[in-house]
Amino acid sequence: MKKLIVPEIYLKNGLCDGENPVELAKYFSEAGADAIVLYDLSSEDAEHDVNLHVMKEIYRVVEVPLFGGGNINRVEDVKKILYTGCEKAILNFSKE
């Protein structure tokens, strides 16, 4: 059985716990992560757009697959996450 290392980055206002998420993702990629999960914790459209921009920046600096989730309320949100470079969109079916 193969084990995968898949760190998670939670984005809020374009940051991850006050740190630069692009540098953090680059570190994870270079340290041997098999993929990175990006969660958008935004509550407003403007903040959502900032987090999507950060996801695009992360895609440009990593060598591993990205999976994106969070703040998906309609099909258009899935498209936006996939357009950032994420290979998969993560849906939360427990939300309405």
N, C-alpha and C. Protein backbone atom coordinates (compact mmCIF):
# COMPACT_ATOMS: atom_id res chain seq x y z
N MET A 1 0.85 -1.17 0.00
CA MET A 1 0.00 0.00 0.00
C MET A 1 0.90 1.24 0.00
N LYS A 2 0.62 2.13 -0.91
CA LYS A 2 1.40 3.37 -1.02
C LYS A 2 0.76 4.46 -0.17
N LYS A 3 1.58 5.16 0.59
CA LYS A 3 1.09 6.28 1.39
C LYS A 3 1.44 7.58 0.69
N LEU A 4 0.51 8.51 0.73
CA LEU A 4 0.72 9.81 0.11
C LEU A 4 0.82 10.89 1.18
N ILE A 5 1.64 11.87 0.92
CA ILE A 5 1.74 13.05 1.78
C ILE A 5 1.03 14.18 1.07
N VAL A 6 -0.09 14.65 1.66
CA VAL A 6 -0.92 15.68 1.04
C VAL A 6 -1.22 16.77 2.09
N PRO A 7 -0.37 17.80 2.16
CA PRO A 7 -0.64 18.90 3.11
C PRO A 7 -1.81 19.76 2.65
N GLU A 8 -2.39 20.46 3.60
CA GLU A 8 -3.52 21.36 3.33
C GLU A 8 -3.12 22.79 3.63
N ILE A 9 -3.61 23.71 2.81
CA ILE A 9 -3.40 25.14 3.03
C ILE A 9 -4.77 25.79 3.05
N TYR A 10 -5.08 26.46 4.15
CA TYR A 10 -6.36 27.15 4.30
C TYR A 10 -6.17 28.63 3.99
N LEU A 11 -6.86 29.14 2.98
CA LEU A 11 -6.70 30.51 2.53
C LEU A 11 -7.81 31.40 3.09
N LYS A 12 -7.41 32.47 3.74
CA LYS A 12 -8.34 33.47 4.26
C LYS A 12 -7.72 34.83 3.95
N ASN A 13 -8.41 35.64 3.15
CA ASN A 13 -7.89 36.95 2.73
C ASN A 13 -6.54 36.84 2.03
N GLY A 14 -6.33 35.78 1.28
CA GLY A 14 -5.09 35.60 0.54
C GLY A 14 -3.91 35.15 1.38
N LEU A 15 -4.16 34.84 2.66
CA LEU A 15 -3.09 34.41 3.55
C LEU A 15 -3.43 33.06 4.18
N CYS A 16 -2.42 32.47 4.76
CA CYS A 16 -2.58 31.20 5.48
C CYS A 16 -2.00 31.40 6.88
N ASP A 17 -2.87 31.63 7.84
CA ASP A 17 -2.43 31.92 9.23
C ASP A 17 -1.38 33.03 9.27
N GLY A 18 -1.59 34.06 8.46
CA GLY A 18 -0.69 35.20 8.45
C GLY A 18 0.59 34.98 7.65
N GLU A 19 0.75 33.80 7.07
CA GLU A 19 1.94 33.49 6.29
C GLU A 19 1.65 33.57 4.80
N ASN A 20 2.70 33.62 4.02
CA ASN A 20 2.58 33.65 2.57
C ASN A 20 2.27 32.24 2.07
N PRO A 21 1.07 31.98 1.57
CA PRO A 21 0.72 30.63 1.13
C PRO A 21 1.49 30.16 -0.10
N VAL A 22 1.95 31.09 -0.92
CA VAL A 22 2.72 30.70 -2.11
C VAL A 22 4.06 30.10 -1.68
N GLU A 23 4.71 30.75 -0.74
CA GLU A 23 5.99 30.23 -0.24
C GLU A 23 5.79 28.91 0.51
N LEU A 24 4.70 28.80 1.25
CA LEU A 24 4.40 27.58 1.98
C LEU A 24 4.16 26.42 1.02
N ALA A 25 3.40 26.66 -0.04
CA ALA A 25 3.14 25.62 -1.04
C ALA A 25 4.42 25.22 -1.75
N LYS A 26 5.26 26.19 -2.06
CA LYS A 26 6.54 25.90 -2.70
C LYS A 26 7.40 25.01 -1.80
N TYR A 27 7.40 25.33 -0.51
CA TYR A 27 8.15 24.51 0.46
C TYR A 27 7.62 23.08 0.46
N PHE A 28 6.28 22.92 0.54
CA PHE A 28 5.69 21.59 0.56
C PHE A 28 6.06 20.82 -0.71
N SER A 29 5.99 21.47 -1.86
CA SER A 29 6.30 20.84 -3.13
C SER A 29 7.75 20.37 -3.16
N GLU A 30 8.65 21.22 -2.72
CA GLU A 30 10.08 20.88 -2.73
C GLU A 30 10.44 19.86 -1.66
N ALA A 31 9.63 19.76 -0.60
CA ALA A 31 9.91 18.83 0.49
C ALA A 31 9.36 17.42 0.22
N GLY A 32 8.70 17.23 -0.92
CA GLY A 32 8.27 15.89 -1.29
C GLY A 32 6.79 15.59 -1.16
N ALA A 33 5.95 16.61 -1.03
CA ALA A 33 4.52 16.36 -0.98
C ALA A 33 4.06 15.73 -2.29
N ASP A 34 3.06 14.87 -2.22
CA ASP A 34 2.53 14.23 -3.42
C ASP A 34 1.45 15.07 -4.08
N ALA A 35 0.81 15.94 -3.32
CA ALA A 35 -0.21 16.86 -3.81
C ALA A 35 -0.43 17.89 -2.70
N ILE A 36 -1.16 18.95 -3.01
CA ILE A 36 -1.50 19.97 -2.01
C ILE A 36 -2.98 20.27 -2.14
N VAL A 37 -3.66 20.33 -1.00
CA VAL A 37 -5.08 20.69 -0.97
C VAL A 37 -5.19 22.15 -0.54
N LEU A 38 -5.91 22.93 -1.33
CA LEU A 38 -6.12 24.35 -1.04
C LEU A 38 -7.59 24.57 -0.69
N TYR A 39 -7.85 25.14 0.49
CA TYR A 39 -9.21 25.44 0.91
C TYR A 39 -9.43 26.94 0.94
N ASP A 40 -10.45 27.38 0.27
CA ASP A 40 -10.84 28.79 0.26
C ASP A 40 -11.85 29.02 1.38
N LEU A 41 -11.45 29.76 2.40
CA LEU A 41 -12.32 30.01 3.55
C LEU A 41 -13.02 31.36 3.46
N SER A 42 -13.11 31.93 2.27
CA SER A 42 -13.71 33.26 2.12
C SER A 42 -15.21 33.23 2.35
N SER A 43 -15.72 34.39 2.72
CA SER A 43 -17.17 34.50 2.93
C SER A 43 -17.80 35.52 1.99
N GLU A 44 -16.98 36.30 1.29
CA GLU A 44 -17.48 37.31 0.35
C GLU A 44 -16.82 37.11 -1.01
N ASP A 45 -17.48 37.61 -2.06
CA ASP A 45 -16.96 37.43 -3.42
C ASP A 45 -15.60 38.09 -3.63
N ALA A 46 -15.39 39.27 -3.05
CA ALA A 46 -14.10 39.95 -3.23
C ALA A 46 -12.97 39.13 -2.61
N GLU A 47 -13.21 38.59 -1.45
CA GLU A 47 -12.21 37.76 -0.78
C GLU A 47 -12.00 36.46 -1.56
N HIS A 48 -13.08 35.92 -2.12
CA HIS A 48 -13.01 34.71 -2.93
C HIS A 48 -12.10 34.95 -4.14
N ASP A 49 -12.24 36.10 -4.78
CA ASP A 49 -11.40 36.44 -5.93
C ASP A 49 -9.92 36.53 -5.55
N VAL A 50 -9.65 37.10 -4.37
CA VAL A 50 -8.26 37.18 -3.88
C VAL A 50 -7.69 35.78 -3.70
N ASN A 51 -8.46 34.90 -3.08
CA ASN A 51 -7.98 33.54 -2.86
C ASN A 51 -7.78 32.78 -4.17
N LEU A 52 -8.65 33.01 -5.15
CA LEU A 52 -8.47 32.38 -6.45
C LEU A 52 -7.17 32.86 -7.11
N HIS A 53 -6.87 34.13 -6.97
CA HIS A 53 -5.61 34.67 -7.51
C HIS A 53 -4.41 34.00 -6.83
N VAL A 54 -4.49 33.82 -5.53
CA VAL A 54 -3.41 33.15 -4.80
C VAL A 54 -3.26 31.71 -5.28
N MET A 55 -4.38 31.03 -5.53
CA MET A 55 -4.32 29.65 -6.05
C MET A 55 -3.58 29.61 -7.39
N LYS A 56 -3.82 30.61 -8.25
CA LYS A 56 -3.11 30.68 -9.53
C LYS A 56 -1.61 30.87 -9.31
N GLU A 57 -1.25 31.71 -8.35
CA GLU A 57 0.16 31.95 -8.04
C GLU A 57 0.81 30.66 -7.51
N ILE A 58 0.09 29.93 -6.69
CA ILE A 58 0.62 28.67 -6.16
C ILE A 58 0.85 27.69 -7.30
N TYR A 59 -0.09 27.60 -8.22
CA TYR A 59 0.04 26.70 -9.36
C TYR A 59 1.32 26.97 -10.15
N ARG A 60 1.70 28.22 -10.24
CA ARG A 60 2.89 28.61 -11.02
C ARG A 60 4.20 28.17 -10.37
N VAL A 61 4.21 27.92 -9.05
CA VAL A 61 5.48 27.64 -8.38
C VAL A 61 5.62 26.20 -7.89
N VAL A 62 4.58 25.38 -7.99
CA VAL A 62 4.68 24.02 -7.47
C VAL A 62 4.80 23.01 -8.60
N GLU A 63 5.32 21.85 -8.24
CA GLU A 63 5.50 20.76 -9.20
C GLU A 63 4.55 19.60 -8.92
N VAL A 64 3.61 19.77 -8.01
CA VAL A 64 2.70 18.69 -7.62
C VAL A 64 1.26 19.07 -7.95
N PRO A 65 0.36 18.09 -8.03
CA PRO A 65 -1.05 18.40 -8.30
C PRO A 65 -1.67 19.21 -7.17
N LEU A 66 -2.61 20.06 -7.54
CA LEU A 66 -3.36 20.86 -6.57
C LEU A 66 -4.82 20.44 -6.60
N PHE A 67 -5.42 20.37 -5.42
CA PHE A 67 -6.84 20.11 -5.29
C PHE A 67 -7.44 21.29 -4.55
N GLY A 68 -8.53 21.85 -5.07
CA GLY A 68 -9.12 23.05 -4.48
C GLY A 68 -10.53 22.82 -3.97
N GLY A 69 -10.85 23.48 -2.88
CA GLY A 69 -12.19 23.37 -2.31
C GLY A 69 -12.53 24.60 -1.50
N GLY A 70 -13.73 24.62 -1.01
CA GLY A 70 -14.18 25.73 -0.18
C GLY A 70 -14.89 26.78 -1.00
N ASN A 71 -15.91 27.36 -0.43
CA ASN A 71 -16.70 28.43 -1.05
C ASN A 71 -17.22 28.02 -2.43
N ILE A 72 -17.64 26.78 -2.56
CA ILE A 72 -18.24 26.32 -3.80
C ILE A 72 -19.74 26.28 -3.60
N ASN A 73 -20.43 27.21 -4.25
CA ASN A 73 -21.87 27.32 -4.09
C ASN A 73 -22.64 27.06 -5.37
N ARG A 74 -21.93 27.05 -6.49
CA ARG A 74 -22.58 26.84 -7.79
C ARG A 74 -21.54 26.27 -8.76
N VAL A 75 -22.00 25.83 -9.91
CA VAL A 75 -21.12 25.22 -10.90
C VAL A 75 -20.02 26.19 -11.32
N GLU A 76 -20.34 27.46 -11.41
CA GLU A 76 -19.35 28.47 -11.80
C GLU A 76 -18.15 28.47 -10.85
N ASP A 77 -18.39 28.21 -9.56
CA ASP A 77 -17.29 28.17 -8.58
C ASP A 77 -16.36 26.99 -8.85
N VAL A 78 -16.91 25.87 -9.28
CA VAL A 78 -16.08 24.71 -9.65
C VAL A 78 -15.19 25.09 -10.83
N LYS A 79 -15.77 25.73 -11.83
CA LYS A 79 -14.99 26.15 -12.99
C LYS A 79 -13.86 27.09 -12.59
N LYS A 80 -14.16 28.05 -11.71
CA LYS A 80 -13.14 29.00 -11.28
C LYS A 80 -11.98 28.29 -10.59
N ILE A 81 -12.29 27.31 -9.75
CA ILE A 81 -11.22 26.57 -9.08
C ILE A 81 -10.39 25.78 -10.08
N LEU A 82 -11.03 25.15 -11.03
CA LEU A 82 -10.28 24.39 -12.03
C LEU A 82 -9.44 25.30 -12.92
N TYR A 83 -9.92 26.50 -13.21
CA TYR A 83 -9.16 27.46 -14.02
C TYR A 83 -7.91 27.97 -13.30
N THR A 84 -7.84 27.84 -11.98
CA THR A 84 -6.64 28.28 -11.26
C THR A 84 -5.48 27.32 -11.48
N GLY A 85 -5.78 26.13 -11.99
CA GLY A 85 -4.75 25.11 -12.19
C GLY A 85 -4.95 23.88 -11.33
N CYS A 86 -5.94 23.92 -10.46
CA CYS A 86 -6.24 22.75 -9.63
C CYS A 86 -6.72 21.61 -10.53
N GLU A 87 -6.26 20.40 -10.22
CA GLU A 87 -6.67 19.24 -11.00
C GLU A 87 -8.06 18.75 -10.60
N LYS A 88 -8.43 18.99 -9.35
CA LYS A 88 -9.72 18.52 -8.86
C LYS A 88 -10.34 19.58 -7.98
N ALA A 89 -11.67 19.61 -7.97
CA ALA A 89 -12.42 20.48 -7.07
C ALA A 89 -13.06 19.59 -6.01
N ILE A 90 -12.94 20.01 -4.76
CA ILE A 90 -13.48 19.24 -3.65
C ILE A 90 -14.82 19.85 -3.25
N LEU A 91 -15.87 19.03 -3.27
CA LEU A 91 -17.20 19.50 -2.92
C LEU A 91 -17.56 19.03 -1.52
N ASN A 92 -18.26 19.85 -0.78
CA ASN A 92 -18.72 19.51 0.55
C ASN A 92 -20.24 19.29 0.47
N PHE A 93 -20.65 18.06 0.46
CA PHE A 93 -22.07 17.76 0.29
C PHE A 93 -22.86 17.92 1.58
N SER A 94 -22.18 18.20 2.70
CA SER A 94 -22.90 18.43 3.94
C SER A 94 -23.49 19.83 4.00
N LYS A 95 -23.02 20.73 3.12
CA LYS A 95 -23.57 22.09 3.06
C LYS A 95 -24.84 22.09 2.20
N GLU A 96 -25.70 23.06 2.46
CA GLU A 96 -26.92 23.18 1.64
C GLU A 96 -26.56 23.61 0.24
